[in-house]
Amino acid sequence: QVQLVESGGGLVPTGESLRLSCAVSGRTFAISVMGWYRQAPGKQRELVATISSGGTTKYADSVKGRFTISRDNAKTTVTLQMDSLKPEDTAVYYCYLKRSIDWNKDYWGQGTQVTVSS
């Protein structure tokens, strides 16, 4: 099994920053894509950012230029630096990964709440 544990959420005012981290444990071999999704109340879960094992990144248009995703393959962690936060960034943020050996399976963390006050 693979376990993902997020940390770093919280309550911040508009314009401030937060850094989310996700630690992966268990059967961590063959990790391919890692990333972050978020889900606001009453909305569907949406992609925030992903990063491949080779370092290729992808961002939602709404966070480009404000959020930065990175990963440490040795420590099997993925982080999301969130700057210039806006109230519309308020959501539960979920860590996510896929492995090349079971590509059809998605692995998720339990989520961490991010609240940006106006």
C-alpha atoms as a PDB file:
ATOM      1  CA  GLN A   1       0.000   0.000   0.000  1.00  0.00           C
ATOM      2  CA  VAL A   2       0.891   3.634  -0.366  1.00  0.00           C
ATOM      3  CA  GLN A   3       0.129   6.280   2.255  1.00  0.00           C
ATOM      4  CA  LEU A   4       0.066  10.020   1.627  1.00  0.00           C
ATOM      5  CA  VAL A   5      -0.024  12.519   4.489  1.00  0.00           C
ATOM      6  CA  GLU A   6      -0.464  16.241   3.866  1.00  0.00           C
ATOM      7  CA  SER A   7       0.574  19.054   6.166  1.00  0.00           C
ATOM      8  CA  GLY A   8       0.827  22.827   6.104  1.00  0.00           C
ATOM      9  CA  GLY A   9      -2.736  24.000   5.663  1.00  0.00           C
ATOM     10  CA  GLY A  10      -4.243  26.817   7.681  1.00  0.00           C
ATOM     11  CA  LEU A  11      -5.953  30.202   7.739  1.00  0.00           C
ATOM     12  CA  VAL A  12      -4.214  33.184   6.150  1.00  0.00           C
ATOM     13  CA  PRO A  13      -5.268  36.652   4.943  1.00  0.00           C
ATOM     14  CA  THR A  14      -5.414  37.563   1.273  1.00  0.00           C
ATOM     15  CA  GLY A  15      -1.993  38.034  -0.273  1.00  0.00           C
ATOM     16  CA  GLU A  16      -0.115  35.823   2.149  1.00  0.00           C
ATOM     17  CA  SER A  17       1.642  32.519   1.516  1.00  0.00           C
ATOM     18  CA  LEU A  18       1.365  28.908   2.608  1.00  0.00           C
ATOM     19  CA  ARG A  19       3.477  25.865   1.904  1.00  0.00           C
ATOM     20  CA  LEU A  20       1.849  22.450   1.684  1.00  0.00           C
ATOM     21  CA  SER A  21       3.850  19.260   2.010  1.00  0.00           C
ATOM     22  CA  CYS A  22       2.958  15.647   1.308  1.00  0.00           C
ATOM     23  CA  ALA A  23       4.975  12.760   2.678  1.00  0.00           C
ATOM     24  CA  VAL A  24       4.618   9.410   0.944  1.00  0.00           C
ATOM     25  CA  SER A  25       5.329   6.095   2.662  1.00  0.00           C
ATOM     26  CA  GLY A  26       4.811   2.425   2.039  1.00  0.00           C
ATOM     27  CA  ARG A  27       5.438   0.928  -1.389  1.00  0.00           C
ATOM     28  CA  THR A  28       6.930   4.072  -2.896  1.00  0.00           C
ATOM     29  CA  PHE A  29       8.670   2.470  -5.868  1.00  0.00           C
ATOM     30  CA  ALA A  30       7.643   3.354  -9.404  1.00  0.00           C
ATOM     31  CA  ILE A  31       6.025   6.659  -8.420  1.00  0.00           C
ATOM     32  CA  SER A  32       5.344   8.548 -11.622  1.00  0.00           C
ATOM     33  CA  VAL A  33       3.126  11.629 -11.410  1.00  0.00           C
ATOM     34  CA  MET A  34       2.644  13.514  -8.138  1.00  0.00           C
ATOM     35  CA  GLY A  35       0.462  16.501  -7.579  1.00  0.00           C
ATOM     36  CA  TRP A  36      -2.203  18.474  -5.820  1.00  0.00           C
ATOM     37  CA  TYR A  37      -5.939  18.774  -6.333  1.00  0.00           C
ATOM     38  CA  ARG A  38      -8.406  20.893  -4.418  1.00  0.00           C
ATOM     39  CA  GLN A  39     -12.100  20.877  -3.671  1.00  0.00           C
ATOM     40  CA  ALA A  40     -14.069  23.904  -2.558  1.00  0.00           C
ATOM     41  CA  PRO A  41     -17.500  23.577  -0.902  1.00  0.00           C
ATOM     42  CA  GLY A  42     -20.160  22.700  -3.450  1.00  0.00           C
ATOM     43  CA  LYS A  43     -17.632  22.290  -6.260  1.00  0.00           C
ATOM     44  CA  GLN A  44     -15.933  19.391  -7.967  1.00  0.00           C
ATOM     45  CA  ARG A  45     -12.378  18.412  -7.176  1.00  0.00           C
ATOM     46  CA  GLU A  46     -10.024  20.194  -9.579  1.00  0.00           C
ATOM     47  CA  LEU A  47      -6.403  19.894 -10.572  1.00  0.00           C
ATOM     48  CA  VAL A  48      -4.044  22.463  -9.065  1.00  0.00           C
ATOM     49  CA  ALA A  49      -0.620  21.261 -10.181  1.00  0.00           C
ATOM     50  CA  THR A  50       1.224  18.091 -11.123  1.00  0.00           C
ATOM     51  CA  ILE A  51       4.861  17.157 -11.568  1.00  0.00           C
ATOM     52  CA  SER A  52       6.276  14.155 -13.387  1.00  0.00           C
ATOM     53  CA  SER A  53       9.189  12.022 -12.259  1.00  0.00           C
ATOM     54  CA  GLY A  54      11.317  13.966 -14.719  1.00  0.00           C
ATOM     55  CA  GLY A  55      10.274  17.318 -13.303  1.00  0.00           C
ATOM     56  CA  THR A  56       7.751  18.416 -15.927  1.00  0.00           C
ATOM     57  CA  THR A  57       5.107  20.586 -14.285  1.00  0.00           C
ATOM     58  CA  LYS A  58       1.517  21.443 -15.124  1.00  0.00           C
ATOM     59  CA  TYR A  59      -0.612  24.113 -13.465  1.00  0.00           C
ATOM     60  CA  ALA A  60      -4.222  25.171 -13.495  1.00  0.00           C
ATOM     61  CA  ASP A  61      -4.584  28.546 -15.201  1.00  0.00           C
ATOM     62  CA  SER A  62      -5.979  30.019 -11.988  1.00  0.00           C
ATOM     63  CA  VAL A  63      -2.737  29.398 -10.068  1.00  0.00           C
ATOM     64  CA  LYS A  64      -0.061  29.959 -12.722  1.00  0.00           C
ATOM     65  CA  GLY A  65       2.535  32.432 -11.550  1.00  0.00           C
ATOM     66  CA  ARG A  66       1.418  32.146  -7.920  1.00  0.00           C
ATOM     67  CA  PHE A  67       1.897  28.466  -7.027  1.00  0.00           C
ATOM     68  CA  THR A  68       5.018  26.340  -7.424  1.00  0.00           C
ATOM     69  CA  ILE A  69       5.115  22.554  -7.201  1.00  0.00           C
ATOM     70  CA  SER A  70       8.285  20.610  -6.462  1.00  0.00           C
ATOM     71  CA  ARG A  71       9.240  17.089  -5.465  1.00  0.00           C
ATOM     72  CA  ASP A  72      12.074  15.269  -3.772  1.00  0.00           C
ATOM     73  CA  ASN A  73      12.302  11.813  -5.261  1.00  0.00           C
ATOM     74  CA  ALA A  74      14.772  10.602  -2.636  1.00  0.00           C
ATOM     75  CA  LYS A  75      12.448  11.566   0.205  1.00  0.00           C
ATOM     76  CA  THR A  76       9.289  10.873  -1.795  1.00  0.00           C
ATOM     77  CA  THR A  77       7.753  14.195  -0.895  1.00  0.00           C
ATOM     78  CA  VAL A  78       5.910  16.757  -2.945  1.00  0.00           C
ATOM     79  CA  THR A  79       5.384  20.357  -1.916  1.00  0.00           C
ATOM     80  CA  LEU A  80       3.187  23.184  -3.086  1.00  0.00           C
ATOM     81  CA  GLN A  81       4.352  26.733  -2.436  1.00  0.00           C
ATOM     82  CA  MET A  82       1.332  29.006  -2.612  1.00  0.00           C
ATOM     83  CA  ASP A  83       1.961  32.754  -2.853  1.00  0.00           C
ATOM     84  CA  SER A  84      -0.376  35.711  -3.306  1.00  0.00           C
ATOM     85  CA  LEU A  85      -3.275  33.676  -2.002  1.00  0.00           C
ATOM     86  CA  LYS A  86      -6.814  34.734  -2.833  1.00  0.00           C
ATOM     87  CA  PRO A  87     -10.146  33.919  -1.163  1.00  0.00           C
ATOM     88  CA  GLU A  88     -11.023  31.761  -4.166  1.00  0.00           C
ATOM     89  CA  ASP A  89      -8.097  29.496  -3.271  1.00  0.00           C
ATOM     90  CA  THR A  90     -10.017  28.396  -0.184  1.00  0.00           C
ATOM     91  CA  ALA A  91     -10.512  24.632  -0.403  1.00  0.00           C
ATOM     92  CA  VAL A  92      -9.425  21.274   0.903  1.00  0.00           C
ATOM     93  CA  TYR A  93      -6.167  20.404  -0.820  1.00  0.00           C
ATOM     94  CA  TYR A  94      -5.401  16.762  -1.627  1.00  0.00           C
ATOM     95  CA  CYS A  95      -2.060  15.201  -2.406  1.00  0.00           C
ATOM     96  CA  TYR A  96      -2.165  12.742  -5.305  1.00  0.00           C
ATOM     97  CA  LEU A  97       0.080  10.303  -7.094  1.00  0.00           C
ATOM     98  CA  LYS A  98       0.167   7.601  -9.710  1.00  0.00           C
ATOM     99  CA  ARG A  99       2.618   4.732 -10.056  1.00  0.00           C
ATOM    100  CA  SER A 100       3.790   3.318 -13.348  1.00  0.00           C
ATOM    101  CA  ILE A 101       3.141  -0.250 -12.161  1.00  0.00           C
ATOM    102  CA  ASP A 102      -0.566   0.313 -11.478  1.00  0.00           C
ATOM    103  CA  TRP A 103      -1.356   3.303 -13.659  1.00  0.00           C
ATOM    104  CA  ASN A 104      -5.134   2.864 -13.418  1.00  0.00           C
ATOM    105  CA  LYS A 105      -5.053   3.409  -9.656  1.00  0.00           C
ATOM    106  CA  ASP A 106      -5.032   6.874  -8.068  1.00  0.00           C
ATOM    107  CA  TYR A 107      -3.589   7.365  -4.598  1.00  0.00           C
ATOM    108  CA  TRP A 108      -4.889  10.208  -2.426  1.00  0.00           C
ATOM    109  CA  GLY A 109      -4.106  11.817   0.886  1.00  0.00           C
ATOM    110  CA  GLN A 110      -6.752  12.717   3.438  1.00  0.00           C
ATOM    111  CA  GLY A 111      -6.678  16.412   2.585  1.00  0.00           C
ATOM    112  CA  THR A 112      -5.681  19.600   4.351  1.00  0.00           C
ATOM    113  CA  GLN A 113      -7.825  22.719   4.701  1.00  0.00           C
ATOM    114  CA  VAL A 114      -6.627  26.018   3.265  1.00  0.00           C
ATOM    115  CA  THR A 115      -8.698  29.088   4.094  1.00  0.00           C
ATOM    116  CA  VAL A 116      -7.904  32.547   2.744  1.00  0.00           C
ATOM    117  CA  SER A 117      -9.743  35.394   4.423  1.00  0.00           C
ATOM    118  CA  SER A 118     -10.734  38.513   2.532  1.00  0.00           C
END
